[in-house]
Protein backbone atom coordinates (compact mmCIF):
# COMPACT_ATOMS: atom_id res chain seq x y z
CA MET A 1 14.70 8.98 11.89
CA SER A 2 12.78 8.55 15.13
CA SER A 3 11.25 11.60 16.79
CA GLY A 4 11.34 11.11 20.56
CA GLN A 5 11.51 7.86 22.49
CA PRO A 6 8.78 5.47 21.29
CA THR A 7 6.35 4.21 23.90
CA ALA A 8 4.07 1.17 24.06
CA ARG A 9 1.33 3.36 22.57
CA HIS A 10 3.47 4.04 19.52
CA PHE A 11 4.24 0.33 19.07
CA LEU A 12 0.55 -0.51 19.30
CA ALA A 13 -0.27 2.20 16.76
CA LEU A 14 2.40 0.87 14.37
CA LEU A 15 1.16 -2.71 14.64
CA GLY A 16 -2.50 -1.70 14.59
CA GLY A 17 -2.03 0.35 11.44
CA ASN A 18 -0.39 -2.55 9.64
CA VAL A 19 -3.06 -5.01 10.78
CA ALA A 20 -5.85 -2.66 9.65
CA LEU A 21 -4.23 -2.29 6.21
CA ALA A 22 -3.70 -6.05 5.97
CA LEU A 23 -7.43 -6.69 6.42
CA GLY A 24 -8.27 -4.39 3.50
CA PRO A 25 -8.04 -7.20 0.89
CA TRP A 26 -10.54 -9.23 2.92
CA SER A 27 -13.04 -6.36 2.69
CA VAL A 28 -12.42 -6.08 -1.07
CA ARG A 29 -13.27 -9.77 -1.46
CA LEU A 30 -16.45 -9.43 0.65
CA ALA A 31 -17.77 -6.37 -1.20
CA ASP A 32 -20.66 -7.07 -3.59
CA THR A 33 -19.38 -4.46 -6.05
CA GLY A 34 -16.62 -4.96 -8.58
CA PRO A 35 -13.06 -4.77 -7.21
CA VAL A 36 -12.28 -1.41 -8.84
CA ALA A 37 -15.65 -0.04 -7.73
CA SER A 38 -14.78 -0.97 -4.15
CA GLY A 39 -11.67 1.20 -4.54
CA PHE A 40 -13.87 4.09 -5.67
CA TRP A 41 -16.02 3.78 -2.56
CA ARG A 42 -12.91 3.50 -0.37
CA LEU A 43 -11.89 6.99 -1.52
CA ALA A 44 -15.32 8.57 -1.88
CA LEU A 45 -16.59 7.52 1.56
CA ALA A 46 -13.36 8.69 3.17
CA LEU A 47 -13.49 12.26 1.81
CA PRO A 48 -15.75 13.78 4.54
CA LEU A 49 -13.70 12.14 7.29
CA LEU A 50 -10.40 13.23 5.74
CA ALA A 51 -11.69 16.81 5.49
CA LEU A 52 -12.72 16.69 9.16
CA LEU A 53 -9.35 15.28 10.24
CA ALA A 54 -7.48 17.90 8.19
CA ASN A 55 -9.59 20.66 9.75
CA ARG A 56 -9.03 19.35 13.29
CA SER A 57 -5.30 19.16 12.62
CA ARG A 58 -5.36 22.74 11.25
CA GLN A 59 -4.24 21.60 7.82
CA PRO A 60 -5.81 23.96 5.23
CA LEU A 61 -7.56 22.39 2.26
CA THR A 62 -7.31 25.56 0.16
CA GLY A 63 -4.50 27.85 -0.94
CA MET A 64 -2.40 25.03 -2.35
CA GLY A 65 -1.48 26.88 -5.53
CA ARG A 66 -1.94 25.74 -9.11
CA ALA A 67 1.40 23.96 -9.55
CA ALA A 68 1.06 22.13 -6.24
CA TRP A 69 -2.53 21.12 -7.01
CA ILE A 70 -1.54 19.74 -10.42
CA ALA A 71 1.18 17.62 -8.78
CA VAL A 72 -1.17 16.36 -6.08
CA ALA A 73 -3.92 15.67 -8.65
CA ALA A 74 -1.45 13.70 -10.77
CA ALA A 75 -0.48 11.78 -7.64
CA GLY A 76 -4.16 11.09 -7.03
CA VAL A 77 -4.51 9.61 -10.51
CA LEU A 78 -1.53 7.33 -9.84
CA PHE A 79 -3.04 6.37 -6.48
CA ALA A 80 -6.25 5.46 -8.31
CA LEU A 81 -4.33 3.32 -10.80
CA ASP A 82 -2.52 1.70 -7.87
CA LEU A 83 -5.83 0.81 -6.18
CA ALA A 84 -7.41 -0.38 -9.43
CA SER A 85 -4.49 -2.71 -10.18
CA TRP A 86 -4.23 -3.95 -6.61
CA HIS A 87 -7.96 -4.61 -6.19
CA ILE A 88 -8.10 -6.51 -9.48
CA GLY A 89 -5.14 -8.54 -8.24
CA ILE A 90 -6.83 -9.18 -4.87
CA ALA A 91 -9.81 -10.67 -6.69
CA ARG A 92 -7.57 -13.10 -8.62
CA THR A 93 -4.74 -14.20 -6.32
CA ARG A 94 -4.20 -15.31 -2.73
CA LEU A 95 -4.51 -12.62 -0.05
CA GLY A 96 -0.96 -13.23 1.20
CA ASN A 97 0.47 -12.73 -2.29
CA ALA A 98 -1.64 -9.61 -2.80
CA SER A 99 -0.42 -8.04 0.43
CA LEU A 100 3.23 -8.94 -0.18
CA PHE A 101 3.37 -7.81 -3.81
CA GLY A 102 1.25 -4.76 -3.03
CA ASN A 103 4.04 -3.56 -0.73
CA SER A 104 6.68 -3.92 -3.44
CA GLY A 105 6.81 -0.13 -3.69
CA SER A 106 9.50 -0.10 -0.97
CA LEU A 107 11.83 -2.11 -3.20
CA ILE A 108 11.01 -0.07 -6.28
CA LEU A 109 11.66 3.18 -4.38
CA MET A 110 15.03 1.81 -3.28
CA ALA A 111 15.95 0.95 -6.88
CA TRP A 112 14.73 4.37 -8.04
CA GLY A 113 16.92 6.05 -5.42
CA VAL A 114 19.98 4.22 -6.76
CA ILE A 115 19.16 5.26 -10.33
CA ALA A 116 18.44 8.88 -9.36
CA ALA A 117 21.72 9.13 -7.41
CA ARG A 118 23.62 7.71 -10.41
CA ARG A 119 25.67 5.38 -8.25
CA SER A 120 26.34 1.68 -7.97
CA PRO A 121 24.01 -0.21 -5.61
CA ARG A 122 25.36 -0.98 -2.15
CA ARG A 123 25.78 -4.56 -0.99
CA MET A 124 22.58 -4.50 1.07
CA GLU A 125 20.64 -3.17 -1.90
CA VAL A 126 22.02 -5.91 -4.18
CA ILE A 127 21.04 -8.57 -1.62
CA ALA A 128 17.54 -7.06 -1.35
CA ILE A 129 17.05 -7.06 -5.13
CA VAL A 130 18.32 -10.64 -5.51
CA ALA A 131 16.13 -11.87 -2.64
CA ALA A 132 13.09 -10.09 -4.08
CA LEU A 133 13.63 -11.51 -7.55
CA ALA A 134 14.17 -15.05 -6.23
CA GLY A 135 11.17 -14.92 -3.90
CA SER A 136 8.94 -13.39 -6.54
CA ALA A 137 9.98 -16.04 -9.08
CA ILE A 138 9.01 -18.78 -6.61
CA LEU A 139 5.65 -17.22 -5.78
CA LEU A 140 4.81 -16.46 -9.41
CA GLY A 141 5.73 -20.01 -10.40
CA ARG A 142 3.55 -21.44 -7.64
CA SER A 143 0.67 -19.19 -8.72
CA LEU A 144 1.01 -20.45 -12.29
CA GLU A 145 0.77 -24.02 -10.97
CA ILE A 146 -2.52 -23.15 -9.25
CA ASP A 147 -4.18 -21.28 -12.11
CA HIS A 148 -3.30 -18.83 -14.87
CA ALA A 149 -5.68 -16.28 -13.31
CA THR A 150 -3.74 -16.43 -10.04
CA LEU A 151 -0.52 -15.53 -11.85
CA VAL A 152 -2.29 -12.64 -13.55
CA GLY A 153 -3.49 -11.48 -10.12
CA ASP A 154 0.10 -11.48 -8.84
CA LEU A 155 1.23 -9.39 -11.81
CA PHE A 156 -1.55 -6.84 -11.21
CA CYS A 157 -0.38 -6.51 -7.58
CA ILE A 158 3.21 -5.94 -8.72
CA LEU A 159 1.96 -3.32 -11.20
CA ALA A 160 0.19 -1.63 -8.27
CA GLY A 161 3.56 -1.35 -6.55
CA PHE A 162 4.94 0.57 -9.55
CA PHE A 163 2.02 3.01 -9.52
CA TYR A 164 2.35 3.50 -5.76
CA THR A 165 6.07 4.28 -6.10
CA PHE A 166 5.48 7.21 -8.45
CA TYR A 167 2.50 8.33 -6.35
CA ILE A 168 4.87 8.68 -3.37
CA LEU A 169 7.51 10.45 -5.46
CA LEU A 170 4.99 13.03 -6.67
CA LEU A 171 3.82 13.72 -3.12
CA GLN A 172 7.32 14.19 -1.69
CA ARG A 173 7.44 17.94 -2.34
CA GLY A 174 3.87 18.43 -1.13
CA ARG A 175 4.64 16.65 2.15
CA GLU A 176 7.14 19.40 2.97
CA ARG A 177 4.48 22.14 2.72
CA PHE A 178 1.12 20.55 3.53
CA GLY A 179 -0.22 18.20 6.18
CA SER A 180 -0.69 14.48 5.56
CA TRP A 181 -4.47 14.58 5.96
CA ALA A 182 -4.83 17.50 3.52
CA LEU A 183 -2.67 15.73 0.94
CA LEU A 184 -4.60 12.50 1.38
CA PHE A 185 -7.87 14.40 0.96
CA HIS A 186 -6.79 16.04 -2.30
CA SER A 187 -5.25 12.88 -3.76
CA SER A 188 -8.42 10.96 -2.89
CA LEU A 189 -10.57 13.68 -4.43
CA ALA A 190 -8.58 13.45 -7.66
CA GLY A 191 -8.44 9.65 -7.68
CA ALA A 192 -12.08 8.79 -6.96
CA PRO A 193 -13.46 9.86 -10.41
CA VAL A 194 -10.67 7.88 -12.12
CA LEU A 195 -11.63 4.71 -10.24
CA LEU A 196 -15.31 5.26 -11.05
CA ALA A 197 -14.51 5.69 -14.75
CA ILE A 198 -12.40 2.50 -14.79
CA ALA A 199 -15.09 0.52 -12.96
CA LEU A 200 -17.76 1.66 -15.41
CA SER A 201 -15.56 0.95 -18.43
CA LEU A 202 -14.99 -2.61 -17.12
CA GLY A 203 -18.73 -3.09 -16.70
CA GLU A 204 -18.44 -3.59 -12.95
CA ARG A 205 -21.30 -3.29 -10.54
CA VAL A 206 -20.87 0.02 -8.71
CA MET A 207 -23.85 0.38 -6.34
CA PRO A 208 -23.66 -2.11 -3.45
CA HIS A 209 -26.51 -3.84 -1.63
CA ASN A 210 -24.35 -4.42 1.45
CA TRP A 211 -22.40 -1.33 2.54
CA TRP A 212 -20.58 -2.87 5.51
CA PRO A 213 -17.56 -4.30 3.66
CA LEU A 214 -17.04 -0.94 1.94
CA ILE A 215 -17.37 0.95 5.23
CA ALA A 216 -14.88 -1.47 6.80
CA LEU A 217 -12.53 -0.95 3.84
CA THR A 218 -12.79 2.84 4.11
CA LEU A 219 -12.29 3.01 7.87
CA GLY A 220 -9.70 0.24 8.06
CA SER A 221 -7.52 1.15 5.07
CA GLN A 222 -8.06 4.84 4.45
CA ILE A 223 -8.68 6.21 7.96
CA VAL A 224 -7.56 3.91 10.79
CA GLY A 225 -4.67 2.20 9.00
CA GLN A 226 -3.25 5.36 7.42
CA GLY A 227 -3.99 7.44 10.53
CA LEU A 228 -2.19 5.10 12.93
CA LEU A 229 0.81 4.88 10.63
CA VAL A 230 0.98 8.66 10.20
CA TYR A 231 0.95 8.90 14.00
CA ALA A 232 3.53 6.16 14.63
CA LEU A 233 6.05 6.13 11.76
CA ARG A 234 8.03 9.20 12.79
CA HIS A 235 8.93 7.55 16.10
CA PHE A 236 10.75 4.52 14.65
CA PRO A 237 13.90 3.76 12.63
CA PRO A 238 13.56 2.00 9.25
CA LEU A 239 14.39 -1.48 10.63
CA VAL A 240 11.46 -1.45 13.06
CA ILE A 241 9.15 -0.09 10.35
CA GLY A 242 10.29 -2.81 7.95
CA LEU A 243 9.73 -5.57 10.51
CA ALA A 244 6.29 -4.20 11.38
CA LEU A 245 5.45 -4.13 7.67
CA LEU A 246 5.82 -7.91 7.63
CA THR A 247 2.72 -8.25 9.80
CA GLN A 248 0.65 -7.32 6.74
CA PRO A 249 1.31 -10.47 4.64
CA ALA A 250 1.15 -12.61 7.81
CA VAL A 251 -2.29 -11.26 8.72
CA SER A 252 -3.45 -11.55 5.11
CA VAL A 253 -2.33 -15.20 4.96
CA LEU A 254 -4.35 -15.93 8.12
CA ALA A 255 -7.37 -14.07 6.73
CA GLY A 256 -7.13 -15.96 3.44
CA TRP A 257 -6.92 -19.29 5.27
CA PHE A 258 -9.75 -18.47 7.70
CA ALA A 259 -12.21 -16.87 5.27
CA PHE A 260 -11.40 -18.45 1.91
CA GLY A 261 -9.58 -21.71 2.64
CA GLU A 262 -6.34 -20.51 1.03
CA THR A 263 -3.30 -22.57 2.04
CA LEU A 264 0.45 -22.20 1.62
CA GLY A 265 3.01 -24.92 0.97
CA ALA A 266 6.61 -24.95 2.19
CA LEU A 267 7.83 -23.49 -1.12
CA ASP A 268 5.27 -20.68 -0.91
CA ALA A 269 6.44 -19.86 2.62
CA PHE A 270 10.08 -19.82 1.49
CA GLY A 271 9.29 -17.45 -1.36
CA MET A 272 7.39 -15.15 1.00
CA MET A 273 10.33 -15.17 3.42
CA LEU A 274 12.69 -14.07 0.64
CA VAL A 275 10.44 -11.20 -0.46
CA ALA A 276 9.80 -10.23 3.17
CA ALA A 277 13.55 -10.12 3.86
CA ALA A 278 13.98 -7.94 0.77
CA LEU A 279 11.34 -5.50 2.08
CA VAL A 280 13.15 -5.19 5.41
CA LEU A 281 16.48 -4.60 3.65
CA ALA A 282 14.82 -1.95 1.47
CA ARG A 283 13.63 -0.17 4.61
CA LEU A 284 17.14 -0.37 6.08
CA GLY A 285 18.41 1.29 2.92
CA ASP A 286 16.27 4.32 3.81
CA SER A 287 18.30 5.01 6.96
CA PRO A 288 20.81 7.82 6.68
CA LYS A 289 24.46 6.88 6.64
CA LYS A 290 26.71 8.10 9.45
CA ALA A 291 29.36 10.58 8.50
CA GLY A 292 32.97 9.45 8.31
């Protein structure tokens, strides 16, 4: 639910956060490390800034308790697996596909909510699931036509959505007791070693020659993007948040076309529209129902 009347500043923060996150895949492509290694640096470079932001917001980084720390650490491992899968997918598929499938966590959370409540899905939820499946089938089929590696990239991005879903579920209880910056600090602290271990096991190059893409990835995705969304999200209903979310694949498509010559056909655009509509419907499903 919204908290107070949103202003132009809140709208700009909401759009700016989504644009910053949408440019993250571009930075991953430009980094001269391996894709998983770039995820490690995204978390590692962000830790001092996250600690500073938590301190300025008076969010304690200690005193979490053993049970809470274990839950947050487990969430950090899932966040690391999410980034590893997504970054591998970014390296293999089109940026628009990566951004769209990377946000599939909204749909998976909706489906999980239906299962956890042990009820039949509502009409809007059924429409969202059907639209997502149809759009995904189109996009996956088009990726297979381009190259087998592109299809594999799409599947890695979808897998990232699954990891992100359970990352969010694990953090739900912690969000009630600790600040967002403190939780992000601890989950990043737990996830960074996991990403480093995966990168090394894959034989990726870890130390970069050019730090700027990694700095841009850290600031854009982990600090600016997340920070603006943390600031703005509480002011808007789910429909507005869902519509703003659609700027991410749009910006990624433009970045892929501008930087890497990636193009979309009419069928690709139709598939993206179906998945995008499903994401908006999933956000609408988050809104509380009126009594009576």
